[in-house]
């Protein structure tokens, strides 16, 4: 109703009984009288059918634009995650001796190829396939992408890009163990477990946490204890899985020859190229902006855009804090600034925050990364005490820091940020008093709008997630490696290990034409003289024939 009309009518009816009510009635009648002919005029001059068709066309075009943006996000994110294989290749090659560089490079590329085939035939189906009779343990549809057009693929129905995006993550889980078993693992055994992890071990865990029909994830239909585990981009699903598989392999294959002397003390075996280590670290850092922010999966709303941006900020801060923590710790111990320690700490921070960059404050991300770096240093010390040889520290970095990140989420996940991202379906019948469980260190709002302390359900779910991942990976990988070890096919012979895998297994060297020179009195043509050493080997080093 026009305020001008109402004011004029009231002024004209001053002193009249019920003047205000009469003024309102007059103005309403005048507006109605005008509206009728206007409506008739529109009906006579406007083709309403054509107008509706125009509106429908605009809606279709807008939906197409949103689908295109979402596809572009996953294509961009998947490509960045795949680029991390270049980072892994450079980091791992630089962190080991040059006589094994070609072998580790071959394994990294092979992981991408094998995982792609396994993901096509069975992996994607086991992880995200929802058949006529779905179950909480494993997917049962879309084998070899059959009927993908009519099935939910993760971010919608018939989204081919979901296969590509999720494969990039599966390939990462597969390649993580390479560093833990480097320089002495039988290539056939490596090929076997590369396919086994990509086709079976990893997809089952992904189904539990990331498929809507699973039982453990926060946003699944019927989550564990009506809360579920938050693992945004895979601190548990990917890094714990790959890191623990590698750690089990490192334990079962045994340490490299000469890694521990006759007294059981560790002997340094430094990598041959700090330059490659730094290049690998930077590539992994770059790739992590696909790993975490793009895991929002959709970018067609302001809310999702905010979540994506927050994930990028928290990822950056956690990696930075982890790097500085390890750098300072290394200086406190050795009175020197350790380049490799800085690189390791950065990656530890990234691994830990991968579970929760979308639901924590930036200052919490700094705490997450800082503690991850120090936790990593402790685990590396512990492995040496236990005489476990992990050349790349893949176990402490991915398994240890991934576990910390999952646990950290149960403490610091903020309810408001959770509600911005998750369309939470807490149970099939909606029987839940607190629809959005949150971190144990905060207060949040229950279904009645009351500010209350956390009930600990999210933290409990995170702990259960840690335990079941350990149980599943351990239960699968121990017997798998055990079979190879039983038949003597887990480790290469000592003479081949001393010569180096490049020359003994791959017919050459990663540095053909490089003159190694006379190292510590050895002949320039002696096997493995291109190994970078800081000093002569200890007299207590166990001979290769032992």
Protein backbone atom coordinates (compact mmCIF):
# COMPACT_ATOMS: atom_id res chain seq x y z
CA UNK A 1 0.00 0.00 0.00
CA UNK A 2 1.35 3.43 -0.99
CA UNK A 3 2.60 5.41 2.01
CA UNK A 4 1.91 8.70 0.17
CA UNK A 5 -1.74 7.76 -0.41
CA UNK A 6 -2.13 6.69 3.21
CA UNK A 7 -0.60 9.91 4.56
CA UNK A 8 -2.82 12.12 2.36
CA UNK A 9 -5.99 10.25 3.29
CA UNK A 10 -5.23 10.40 7.01
CA UNK A 11 -4.61 14.16 6.87
CA UNK A 12 -7.93 14.67 5.05
CA UNK A 13 -9.84 12.63 7.63
CA UNK A 14 -8.41 14.22 10.76
CA UNK A 15 -11.12 14.33 13.43
CA UNK A 16 -13.27 11.73 11.72
CA UNK A 17 -14.08 8.66 13.81
CA UNK A 18 -11.97 5.67 12.76
CA UNK A 19 -10.16 7.98 10.35
CA UNK A 20 -7.05 5.79 10.16
CA UNK A 21 -9.00 2.67 9.32
CA UNK A 22 -11.08 4.54 6.75
CA UNK A 23 -7.90 5.96 5.15
CA UNK A 24 -6.45 2.46 4.82
CA UNK A 25 -9.66 1.18 3.24
CA UNK A 26 -9.76 4.04 0.71
CA UNK A 27 -6.15 3.53 -0.40
CA UNK A 28 -6.61 -0.22 -0.68
CA UNK A 29 -9.70 0.24 -2.85
CA UNK A 30 -7.88 2.70 -5.11
CA UNK A 31 -4.93 0.30 -5.64
CA UNK A 32 -7.27 -2.57 -6.42
CA UNK A 33 -9.14 -0.47 -8.95
CA UNK A 34 -5.89 0.33 -10.75
CA UNK A 35 -4.55 -3.24 -10.56
CA UNK A 36 -7.47 -4.87 -12.40
CA UNK A 37 -7.09 -2.95 -15.71
CA UNK A 38 -3.32 -3.29 -15.54
CA UNK A 39 -3.63 -7.07 -15.20
CA UNK A 40 -6.11 -7.15 -18.07
CA UNK A 41 -3.75 -5.08 -20.19
CA UNK A 42 -0.88 -7.48 -19.50
CA UNK A 43 -3.01 -10.47 -20.39
CA UNK A 44 -3.99 -8.81 -23.68
CA UNK A 45 -0.50 -7.59 -24.69
CA UNK A 46 1.95 -10.21 -23.25
CA UNK A 47 2.28 -13.80 -24.47
CA UNK A 48 2.46 -15.56 -21.11
CA UNK A 49 3.36 -18.87 -22.76
CA UNK A 50 6.36 -17.30 -24.49
CA UNK A 51 7.34 -15.60 -21.27
CA UNK A 52 7.29 -18.95 -19.42
CA UNK A 53 9.38 -20.55 -22.15
CA UNK A 54 11.93 -17.76 -21.82
CA UNK A 55 12.11 -18.25 -18.08
CA UNK A 56 12.56 -22.02 -18.54
CA UNK A 57 15.34 -21.45 -21.08
CA UNK A 58 17.16 -19.10 -18.72
CA UNK A 59 16.86 -21.68 -15.94
CA UNK A 60 18.27 -24.41 -18.17
CA UNK A 61 21.18 -22.21 -19.26
CA UNK A 62 21.91 -21.27 -15.65
CA UNK A 63 21.95 -24.94 -14.62
CA UNK A 64 24.27 -25.71 -17.51
CA UNK A 65 26.61 -22.95 -16.41
CA UNK A 66 26.66 -24.27 -12.83
CA UNK A 67 27.35 -27.81 -14.06
CA UNK A 68 30.18 -26.47 -16.18
CA UNK A 69 31.73 -24.62 -13.23
CA UNK A 70 31.48 -27.70 -11.02
CA UNK A 71 33.09 -29.84 -13.72
CA UNK A 72 35.86 -27.27 -14.17
CA UNK A 73 36.54 -27.30 -10.43
CA UNK A 74 36.97 -31.09 -10.37
CA UNK A 75 39.02 -31.10 -13.57
CA UNK A 76 41.30 -28.41 -12.14
CA UNK A 77 41.50 -30.13 -8.76
CA UNK A 78 42.11 -33.57 -10.21
CA UNK A 79 44.85 -32.26 -12.49
CA UNK A 80 46.59 -30.58 -9.55
CA UNK A 81 46.36 -33.75 -7.47
CA UNK A 82 47.81 -35.75 -10.36
CA UNK A 83 50.65 -33.22 -10.62
CA UNK A 84 51.57 -34.32 -7.09
CA UNK A 85 52.96 -37.48 -8.70
CA UNK A 86 55.67 -35.28 -10.13
CA UNK A 87 56.24 -33.97 -6.62
CA UNK A 88 56.43 -37.46 -5.14
CA UNK A 89 58.80 -38.55 -7.90
CA UNK A 90 61.20 -35.65 -7.37
CA UNK A 91 61.04 -35.80 -3.58
CA UNK A 92 61.61 -39.54 -3.42
CA UNK A 93 64.33 -39.58 -6.06
CA UNK A 94 66.21 -36.78 -4.33
CA UNK A 95 65.90 -38.31 -0.87
CA UNK A 96 67.48 -41.65 -1.80
CA UNK A 97 70.86 -42.63 -3.23
CA UNK A 98 71.36 -41.95 -6.93
CA UNK A 99 71.91 -45.61 -7.77
CA UNK A 100 68.19 -46.24 -7.09
CA UNK A 101 66.69 -43.07 -8.59
CA UNK A 102 65.41 -44.66 -11.81
CA UNK A 103 63.68 -47.38 -9.82
CA UNK A 104 61.73 -44.98 -7.63
CA UNK A 105 60.78 -42.85 -10.66
CA UNK A 106 59.51 -45.93 -12.46
CA UNK A 107 57.45 -46.98 -9.46
CA UNK A 108 55.84 -43.56 -9.16
CA UNK A 109 54.71 -43.49 -12.79
CA UNK A 110 53.66 -47.13 -12.63
CA UNK A 111 51.45 -46.33 -9.63
CA UNK A 112 49.50 -43.84 -11.71
CA UNK A 113 49.00 -46.30 -14.56
CA UNK A 114 48.11 -49.33 -12.45
CA UNK A 115 45.78 -47.38 -10.19
CA UNK A 116 43.93 -45.97 -13.22
CA UNK A 117 43.19 -49.45 -14.55
CA UNK A 118 42.22 -50.85 -11.16
CA UNK A 119 40.06 -47.79 -10.46
CA UNK A 120 38.27 -48.33 -13.77
CA UNK A 121 37.58 -52.03 -13.40
CA UNK A 122 36.72 -52.32 -9.69
CA UNK A 123 38.03 -49.50 -7.48
CA UNK A 124 35.50 -46.80 -8.33
CA UNK A 125 32.66 -49.31 -8.06
CA UNK A 126 33.81 -50.56 -4.66
CA UNK A 127 34.16 -46.97 -3.41
CA UNK A 128 31.12 -45.18 -4.85
CA UNK A 129 28.92 -47.72 -6.58
CA UNK A 130 25.34 -47.76 -5.30
CA UNK A 131 23.44 -50.71 -6.74
CA UNK A 132 19.90 -51.97 -6.27
CA UNK A 133 20.81 -53.35 -2.85
CA UNK A 134 23.42 -50.97 -1.42
CA UNK A 135 25.34 -51.88 1.72
CA UNK A 136 27.48 -50.02 4.21
CA UNK A 137 30.66 -52.05 3.67
CA UNK A 138 31.37 -51.85 -0.05
CA UNK A 139 29.99 -50.46 -3.31
CA UNK A 140 28.30 -52.82 -5.75
CA UNK A 141 27.67 -50.97 -9.03
CA UNK A 142 29.44 -49.19 -11.93
CA UNK A 143 32.13 -51.85 -12.48
CA UNK A 144 34.12 -50.73 -15.53
CA UNK A 145 31.83 -47.65 -15.45
CA UNK A 146 28.83 -49.69 -16.54
CA UNK A 147 25.57 -47.68 -16.35
CA UNK A 148 27.38 -44.61 -15.01
CA UNK A 149 24.79 -42.34 -16.67
CA UNK A 150 22.05 -43.52 -14.29
CA UNK A 151 24.05 -43.85 -11.06
CA UNK A 152 25.16 -41.43 -8.37
CA UNK A 153 28.87 -40.87 -8.85
CA UNK A 154 29.60 -38.77 -5.77
CA UNK A 155 28.74 -35.19 -6.73
CA UNK A 156 25.63 -36.03 -8.76
CA UNK A 157 24.17 -38.52 -11.23
CA UNK A 158 26.22 -39.58 -14.23
CA UNK A 159 29.13 -37.20 -13.56
CA UNK A 160 32.03 -38.66 -15.53
CA UNK A 161 34.40 -36.12 -13.99
CA UNK A 162 33.89 -37.77 -10.58
CA UNK A 163 35.74 -40.85 -11.80
CA UNK A 164 38.73 -38.74 -12.86
CA UNK A 165 38.80 -36.64 -9.70
CA UNK A 166 38.52 -39.61 -7.36
CA UNK A 167 41.12 -41.58 -9.32
CA UNK A 168 43.68 -38.84 -8.70
CA UNK A 169 43.17 -39.34 -4.96
CA UNK A 170 43.31 -43.13 -5.23
CA UNK A 171 46.60 -42.85 -7.12
CA UNK A 172 48.01 -40.75 -4.28
CA UNK A 173 47.14 -43.42 -1.71
CA UNK A 174 48.84 -46.00 -3.91
CA UNK A 175 52.11 -44.09 -4.38
CA UNK A 176 52.66 -43.04 -0.74
CA UNK A 177 54.18 -46.40 0.36
CA UNK A 178 56.95 -46.21 -2.28
CA UNK A 179 59.19 -44.06 -0.12
CA UNK A 180 58.93 -46.36 2.89
CA UNK A 181 60.24 -49.43 1.06
CA UNK A 182 62.66 -47.69 -1.29
CA UNK A 183 66.04 -49.12 -2.32
CA UNK A 184 65.46 -52.79 -1.47
CA UNK A 185 61.92 -53.84 -2.43
CA UNK A 186 61.30 -56.46 -5.11
CA UNK A 187 59.65 -54.85 -8.13
CA UNK A 188 57.15 -57.69 -8.57
CA UNK A 189 56.00 -57.30 -4.97
CA UNK A 190 55.69 -53.56 -5.52
CA UNK A 191 53.60 -54.06 -8.63
CA UNK A 192 51.35 -56.47 -6.71
CA UNK A 193 50.64 -54.20 -3.77
CA UNK A 194 50.19 -51.18 -6.05
CA UNK A 195 47.26 -52.95 -7.68
CA UNK A 196 46.01 -54.42 -4.40
CA UNK A 197 45.78 -51.06 -2.63
CA UNK A 198 44.22 -49.30 -5.63
CA UNK A 199 41.67 -52.01 -6.34
CA UNK A 200 40.70 -53.20 -2.88
CA UNK A 201 42.24 -51.74 0.30
CA UNK A 202 41.68 -48.05 -0.41
CA UNK A 203 38.24 -48.25 -2.14
CA UNK A 204 36.62 -49.99 0.83
CA UNK A 205 37.72 -47.26 3.24
CA UNK A 206 36.60 -44.59 0.77
CA UNK A 207 33.16 -46.21 0.66
CA UNK A 208 32.86 -46.14 4.45
CA UNK A 209 33.68 -42.44 4.72
CA UNK A 210 32.80 -40.74 1.42
CA UNK A 211 29.96 -42.71 -0.13
CA UNK A 212 26.49 -41.66 1.05
CA UNK A 213 25.64 -45.33 1.66
CA UNK A 214 28.70 -45.88 3.88
CA UNK A 215 28.61 -46.11 7.66
CA UNK A 216 31.42 -43.92 8.94
CA UNK A 217 31.33 -40.56 7.14
CA UNK A 218 29.79 -37.41 8.61
CA UNK A 219 27.36 -36.82 5.75
CA UNK A 220 26.24 -40.40 5.06
CA UNK A 221 22.61 -41.46 5.40
CA UNK A 222 23.03 -43.34 8.68
CA UNK A 223 26.35 -42.36 10.26
CA UNK A 224 28.08 -44.02 13.16
CA UNK A 225 26.52 -42.99 16.53
CA UNK A 226 24.48 -40.40 14.62
CA UNK A 227 27.55 -38.25 14.10
CA UNK A 228 30.13 -39.74 11.77
CA UNK A 229 33.76 -39.04 10.98
CA UNK A 230 34.87 -35.84 9.24
CA UNK A 231 37.73 -36.44 6.81
CA UNK A 232 37.40 -33.74 4.19
CA UNK A 233 40.15 -34.69 1.74
CA UNK A 234 41.69 -37.79 3.26
CA UNK A 235 44.05 -37.47 6.24
CA UNK A 236 42.68 -40.85 7.24
CA UNK A 237 41.23 -42.31 4.06
CA UNK A 238 44.32 -41.57 1.93
CA UNK A 239 47.32 -40.69 4.08
CA UNK A 240 46.79 -43.09 6.95
CA UNK A 241 46.03 -45.87 4.48
CA UNK A 242 49.08 -45.28 2.29
CA UNK A 243 51.39 -44.45 5.19
CA UNK A 244 50.47 -47.52 7.23
CA UNK A 245 50.77 -49.80 4.19
CA UNK A 246 54.26 -48.43 3.60
CA UNK A 247 55.22 -48.76 7.26
CA UNK A 248 54.11 -52.40 7.32
CA UNK A 249 56.13 -53.02 4.18
CA UNK A 250 59.22 -51.34 5.68
CA UNK A 251 58.98 -53.51 8.80
CA UNK A 252 58.50 -56.75 6.90
CA UNK A 253 61.17 -56.15 4.24
CA UNK A 254 63.76 -55.07 6.82
CA UNK A 255 66.28 -52.21 6.79
CA UNK A 256 68.64 -51.41 3.95
CA UNK A 257 72.05 -53.02 4.06
CA UNK A 258 74.32 -50.93 6.24
CA UNK A 259 71.53 -48.80 7.70
CA UNK A 260 72.41 -49.94 11.22
CA UNK A 261 75.91 -50.84 12.39
CA UNK A 262 76.96 -53.85 14.44
CA UNK A 263 75.95 -52.04 17.63
CA UNK A 264 72.50 -51.26 16.26
CA UNK A 265 73.21 -47.57 15.81
CA UNK A 266 71.78 -45.89 12.69
CA UNK A 267 74.19 -45.00 9.92
CA UNK A 268 73.33 -41.95 7.83
CA UNK A 269 72.33 -42.66 4.24
CA UNK A 270 71.58 -39.18 2.93
CA UNK A 271 69.81 -38.60 -0.33
CA UNK A 272 71.77 -37.54 -3.38
CA UNK A 273 69.96 -34.30 -4.37
CA UNK A 274 68.57 -31.63 -2.09
CA UNK A 275 67.54 -29.77 -5.24
CA UNK A 276 65.11 -32.53 -6.21
CA UNK A 277 63.77 -32.66 -2.65
CA UNK A 278 62.93 -28.95 -2.78
CA UNK A 279 61.40 -29.23 -6.24
CA UNK A 280 59.26 -32.14 -5.08
CA UNK A 281 58.13 -30.23 -2.02
CA UNK A 282 57.07 -27.20 -4.04
CA UNK A 283 55.17 -29.38 -6.54
CA UNK A 284 53.38 -31.13 -3.70
CA UNK A 285 52.56 -27.79 -2.08
CA UNK A 286 51.09 -26.58 -5.37
CA UNK A 287 49.15 -29.81 -5.84
CA UNK A 288 47.66 -29.58 -2.37
CA UNK A 289 45.52 -26.65 -3.56
CA UNK A 290 43.69 -29.21 -5.66
CA UNK A 291 43.79 -31.82 -2.94
CA UNK A 292 42.03 -29.74 -0.29
CA UNK A 293 40.06 -26.76 -1.68
CA UNK A 294 38.70 -28.71 -4.66
CA UNK A 295 37.38 -31.41 -2.33
CA UNK A 296 34.40 -29.13 -1.76
CA UNK A 297 33.22 -30.86 -5.01
CA UNK A 298 30.77 -28.05 -5.89
CA UNK A 299 31.38 -24.36 -6.50
CA UNK A 300 27.91 -23.24 -7.65
CA UNK A 301 26.99 -21.20 -4.59
CA UNK A 302 28.45 -18.49 -2.40
CA UNK A 303 28.48 -20.86 0.58
CA UNK A 304 30.60 -23.46 -1.24
CA UNK A 305 32.91 -20.73 -2.51
CA UNK A 306 33.52 -19.58 1.06
CA UNK A 307 34.27 -23.14 2.18
CA UNK A 308 36.69 -23.58 -0.73
CA UNK A 309 38.52 -20.37 0.15
CA UNK A 310 38.75 -21.24 3.85
CA UNK A 311 40.22 -24.63 2.94
CA UNK A 312 42.94 -22.92 0.90
CA UNK A 313 43.81 -20.53 3.73
CA UNK A 314 43.96 -23.20 6.43
CA UNK A 315 45.97 -25.54 4.19
CA UNK A 316 48.58 -22.85 3.62
CA UNK A 317 48.91 -21.95 7.29
CA UNK A 318 49.17 -25.55 8.49
CA UNK A 319 51.94 -26.36 6.02
CA UNK A 320 53.84 -23.20 6.92
CA UNK A 321 53.57 -23.90 10.65
CA UNK A 322 54.73 -27.49 10.24
CA UNK A 323 57.76 -26.40 8.26
CA UNK A 324 58.82 -23.74 10.76
CA UNK A 325 58.31 -26.17 13.66
CA UNK A 326 60.65 -28.76 12.13
CA UNK A 327 63.18 -26.09 11.12
CA UNK A 328 63.40 -24.69 14.65
CA UNK A 329 63.45 -28.16 16.19
CA UNK A 330 66.32 -29.16 13.90
CA UNK A 331 68.29 -26.04 14.83
CA UNK A 332 67.74 -26.69 18.55
CA UNK A 333 69.11 -30.22 18.15
CA UNK A 334 71.97 -29.72 15.69
CA UNK A 335 72.64 -25.97 15.78
CA UNK A 336 72.09 -25.84 12.03
CA UNK A 337 69.26 -24.96 9.68
CA UNK A 338 68.03 -28.19 8.09
CA UNK A 339 66.61 -27.77 4.58
CA UNK A 340 65.21 -31.29 4.36
CA UNK A 341 63.66 -30.92 7.80
CA UNK A 342 61.87 -27.77 6.65
CA UNK A 343 60.49 -29.59 3.60
CA UNK A 344 59.34 -32.55 5.67
CA UNK A 345 57.62 -30.30 8.20
CA UNK A 346 55.69 -28.47 5.47
CA UNK A 347 54.35 -31.75 4.11
CA UNK A 348 53.46 -32.94 7.61
CA UNK A 349 51.35 -29.85 8.17
CA UNK A 350 49.54 -30.43 4.88
CA UNK A 351 48.88 -34.09 5.67
CA UNK A 352 47.42 -33.29 9.09
CA UNK A 353 45.12 -30.43 8.05
CA UNK A 354 43.74 -32.37 5.09
CA UNK A 355 41.02 -33.79 7.35
CA UNK A 356 39.60 -30.44 8.42
CA UNK A 357 40.68 -27.26 6.53
CA UNK A 358 37.02 -26.40 5.84
CA UNK A 359 35.77 -26.53 9.45
CA UNK A 360 38.51 -24.95 11.59
CA UNK A 361 39.72 -21.45 12.38
CA UNK A 362 42.97 -20.30 10.71
CA UNK A 363 44.70 -20.11 14.09
CA UNK A 364 43.69 -23.72 14.72
CA UNK A 365 45.31 -24.70 11.42
CA UNK A 366 48.58 -23.23 12.69
CA UNK A 367 48.34 -25.35 15.85
CA UNK A 368 47.51 -28.41 13.75
CA UNK A 369 50.57 -27.98 11.54
CA UNK A 370 52.95 -27.07 14.35
CA UNK A 371 52.07 -30.14 16.43
CA UNK A 372 52.20 -32.32 13.30
CA UNK A 373 55.80 -31.28 12.67
CA UNK A 374 56.91 -32.07 16.21
CA UNK A 375 54.92 -35.33 16.26
CA UNK A 376 56.68 -36.32 13.04
CA UNK A 377 60.10 -35.72 14.55
CA UNK A 378 59.23 -37.89 17.54
CA UNK A 379 57.96 -40.72 15.34
CA UNK A 380 61.12 -40.63 13.21
CA UNK A 381 63.21 -40.94 16.38
CA UNK A 382 61.02 -43.81 17.55
CA UNK A 383 61.40 -45.74 14.29
CA UNK A 384 65.19 -45.55 14.54
CA UNK A 385 65.04 -46.80 18.11
CA UNK A 386 62.98 -49.74 16.86
CA UNK A 387 65.48 -50.25 13.98
CA UNK A 388 62.80 -49.67 11.34
CA UNK A 389 64.22 -48.19 8.15
CA UNK A 390 61.87 -45.81 6.31
CA UNK A 391 64.06 -43.83 3.88
CA UNK A 392 61.45 -41.14 3.16
CA UNK A 393 59.84 -41.21 6.63
CA UNK A 394 56.58 -41.96 4.81
CA UNK A 395 55.17 -43.83 7.81
CA UNK A 396 55.64 -41.00 10.31
CA UNK A 397 54.60 -38.35 7.79
CA UNK A 398 51.50 -39.87 6.24
CA UNK A 399 50.32 -42.39 8.79
CA UNK A 400 51.41 -40.53 11.92
CA UNK A 401 50.44 -37.01 10.86
CA UNK A 402 47.30 -38.24 9.12
CA UNK A 403 46.23 -39.86 12.37
CA UNK A 404 46.90 -36.62 14.24
CA UNK A 405 44.84 -34.66 11.73
CA UNK A 406 41.83 -36.97 12.12
CA UNK A 407 42.03 -36.71 15.91
CA UNK A 408 42.54 -32.94 15.78
CA UNK A 409 39.30 -32.57 13.84
CA UNK A 410 37.37 -34.10 16.72
CA UNK A 411 38.71 -31.34 18.97
CA UNK A 412 38.61 -28.20 16.83
CA UNK A 413 35.82 -28.59 14.24
CA UNK A 414 33.52 -25.57 14.56
CA UNK A 415 29.77 -26.18 14.31
CA UNK A 416 29.03 -23.07 12.23
CA UNK A 417 31.60 -24.06 9.62
CA UNK A 418 30.32 -27.64 9.58
CA UNK A 419 26.79 -26.37 8.88
CA UNK A 420 28.06 -24.25 5.97
CA UNK A 421 29.22 -27.34 4.11
CA UNK A 422 27.37 -30.48 5.16
CA UNK A 423 23.78 -31.19 4.22
CA UNK A 424 23.66 -33.51 7.15
CA UNK A 425 21.38 -36.53 7.08
CA UNK A 426 22.07 -37.80 10.60
CA UNK A 427 19.71 -40.75 10.47
CA UNK A 428 17.01 -42.25 8.29
CA UNK A 429 14.21 -41.23 10.66
CA UNK A 430 15.67 -37.93 11.83
CA UNK A 431 15.85 -39.11 15.45
CA UNK A 432 18.69 -36.89 16.63
CA UNK A 433 18.84 -34.22 19.31
CA UNK A 434 22.00 -32.54 17.98
CA UNK A 435 21.94 -32.52 14.16
CA UNK A 436 25.47 -31.18 13.74
CA UNK A 437 27.98 -32.66 16.22
CA UNK A 438 31.06 -30.48 16.65
CA UNK A 439 34.55 -30.41 18.16
CA UNK A 440 35.06 -31.23 21.82
CA UNK A 441 36.78 -27.90 22.61
CA UNK A 442 33.77 -25.76 21.64
CA UNK A 443 30.19 -25.11 22.58
CA UNK A 444 27.49 -25.38 19.95
CA UNK A 445 23.74 -25.23 19.43
CA UNK A 446 21.48 -28.22 19.83
CA UNK A 447 18.22 -28.79 17.95
CA UNK A 448 16.37 -26.53 20.42
CA UNK A 449 18.72 -23.61 19.78
CA UNK A 450 20.41 -23.90 23.17
CA UNK A 451 24.15 -23.27 23.53
CA UNK A 452 25.61 -26.43 25.04
CA UNK A 453 28.93 -28.22 25.40
CA UNK A 454 29.94 -30.87 22.88
CA UNK A 455 28.70 -34.37 23.64
CA UNK A 456 31.93 -35.84 22.27
CA UNK A 457 30.23 -37.80 19.49
CA UNK A 458 32.37 -36.25 16.78
CA UNK A 459 35.57 -36.97 18.71
CA UNK A 460 34.42 -40.53 19.32
CA UNK A 461 33.71 -40.96 15.62
CA UNK A 462 37.19 -39.66 14.73
CA UNK A 463 38.83 -42.12 17.12
CA UNK A 464 36.78 -45.01 15.78
CA UNK A 465 37.76 -43.96 12.26
CA UNK A 466 41.45 -44.10 13.22
CA UNK A 467 41.06 -47.56 14.73
CA UNK A 468 39.10 -49.12 11.88
CA UNK A 469 41.53 -47.78 9.26
CA UNK A 470 44.44 -49.27 11.21
CA UNK A 471 42.56 -52.54 11.58
CA UNK A 472 41.56 -52.78 7.92
CA UNK A 473 44.93 -51.81 6.43
CA UNK A 474 46.85 -53.97 8.88
CA UNK A 475 44.52 -56.90 8.37
CA UNK A 476 44.94 -56.69 4.60
CA UNK A 477 48.60 -55.74 4.14
CA UNK A 478 50.28 -57.97 6.73
CA UNK A 479 49.14 -61.23 5.10
CA UNK A 480 49.64 -59.75 1.63
CA UNK A 481 53.30 -58.90 2.30
CA UNK A 482 53.63 -62.11 4.31
CA UNK A 483 52.84 -64.23 1.25
CA UNK A 484 55.58 -62.54 -0.77
CA UNK A 485 58.02 -62.89 2.11
CA UNK A 486 57.19 -66.58 2.54
CA UNK A 487 58.14 -67.24 -1.08
CA UNK A 488 61.26 -65.06 -0.85
CA UNK A 489 59.88 -62.49 -3.29
CA UNK A 490 59.65 -59.44 -1.04
CA UNK A 491 63.26 -58.24 -1.18
CA UNK A 492 65.99 -58.16 -3.80
CA UNK A 493 69.23 -60.14 -3.23
CA UNK A 494 72.07 -58.38 -1.33
CA UNK A 495 74.39 -58.17 -4.33
CA UNK A 496 71.71 -56.42 -6.39
CA UNK A 497 70.96 -54.04 -3.55
CA UNK A 498 74.63 -53.12 -3.26
CA UNK A 499 74.92 -52.56 -7.00
CA UNK A 500 71.76 -50.47 -7.03
CA UNK A 501 68.34 -51.18 -8.45
CA UNK A 502 68.91 -48.99 -11.50
CA UNK A 503 71.76 -51.12 -12.85
CA UNK A 504 70.66 -54.48 -11.48
CA UNK A 505 66.98 -54.24 -12.46
CA UNK A 506 66.52 -51.50 -15.03
CA UNK A 507 69.61 -51.76 -17.18
CA UNK A 508 71.01 -48.31 -16.62
CA UNK A 509 71.17 -45.25 -14.45
CA UNK A 510 69.06 -42.15 -13.97
CA UNK A 511 72.27 -40.18 -14.66
CA UNK A 512 73.75 -41.78 -17.77
CA UNK A 513 77.01 -40.15 -18.77
CA UNK A 514 77.67 -38.93 -15.22
CA UNK A 515 81.20 -39.64 -14.07
CA UNK A 516 80.99 -40.64 -10.47
CA UNK A 517 84.66 -40.16 -9.85
CA UNK A 518 86.77 -41.84 -7.23
CA UNK A 519 84.75 -41.92 -4.02
CA UNK A 520 86.67 -42.88 -0.89
CA UNK A 521 89.31 -44.79 -2.86
CA UNK A 522 86.84 -46.86 -4.86
CA UNK A 523 87.24 -47.39 -8.58
CA UNK A 524 85.20 -44.96 -10.68
CA UNK A 525 83.61 -48.01 -12.29
CA UNK A 526 82.63 -49.67 -9.03
CA UNK A 527 78.88 -50.21 -8.58
CA UNK A 528 77.17 -47.48 -6.64
CA UNK A 529 80.05 -45.01 -6.49
CA UNK A 530 77.63 -42.24 -7.43
CA UNK A 531 76.11 -42.47 -3.94
CA UNK A 532 76.30 -39.19 -2.05
CA UNK A 533 78.03 -39.65 1.31
CA UNK A 534 78.94 -37.11 3.93
CA UNK A 535 81.75 -39.28 5.28
CA UNK A 536 83.31 -42.69 4.86
CA UNK A 537 81.16 -45.63 5.99
CA UNK A 538 81.63 -46.68 9.57
CA UNK A 539 83.92 -49.64 10.17
CA UNK A 540 81.04 -51.18 12.09
CA UNK A 541 78.75 -51.34 9.07
CA UNK A 542 77.57 -54.89 8.51
CA UNK A 543 79.04 -56.23 5.25
CA UNK A 544 76.64 -56.88 2.39
CA UNK A 545 77.41 -60.60 2.54
CA UNK A 546 76.15 -60.88 6.14
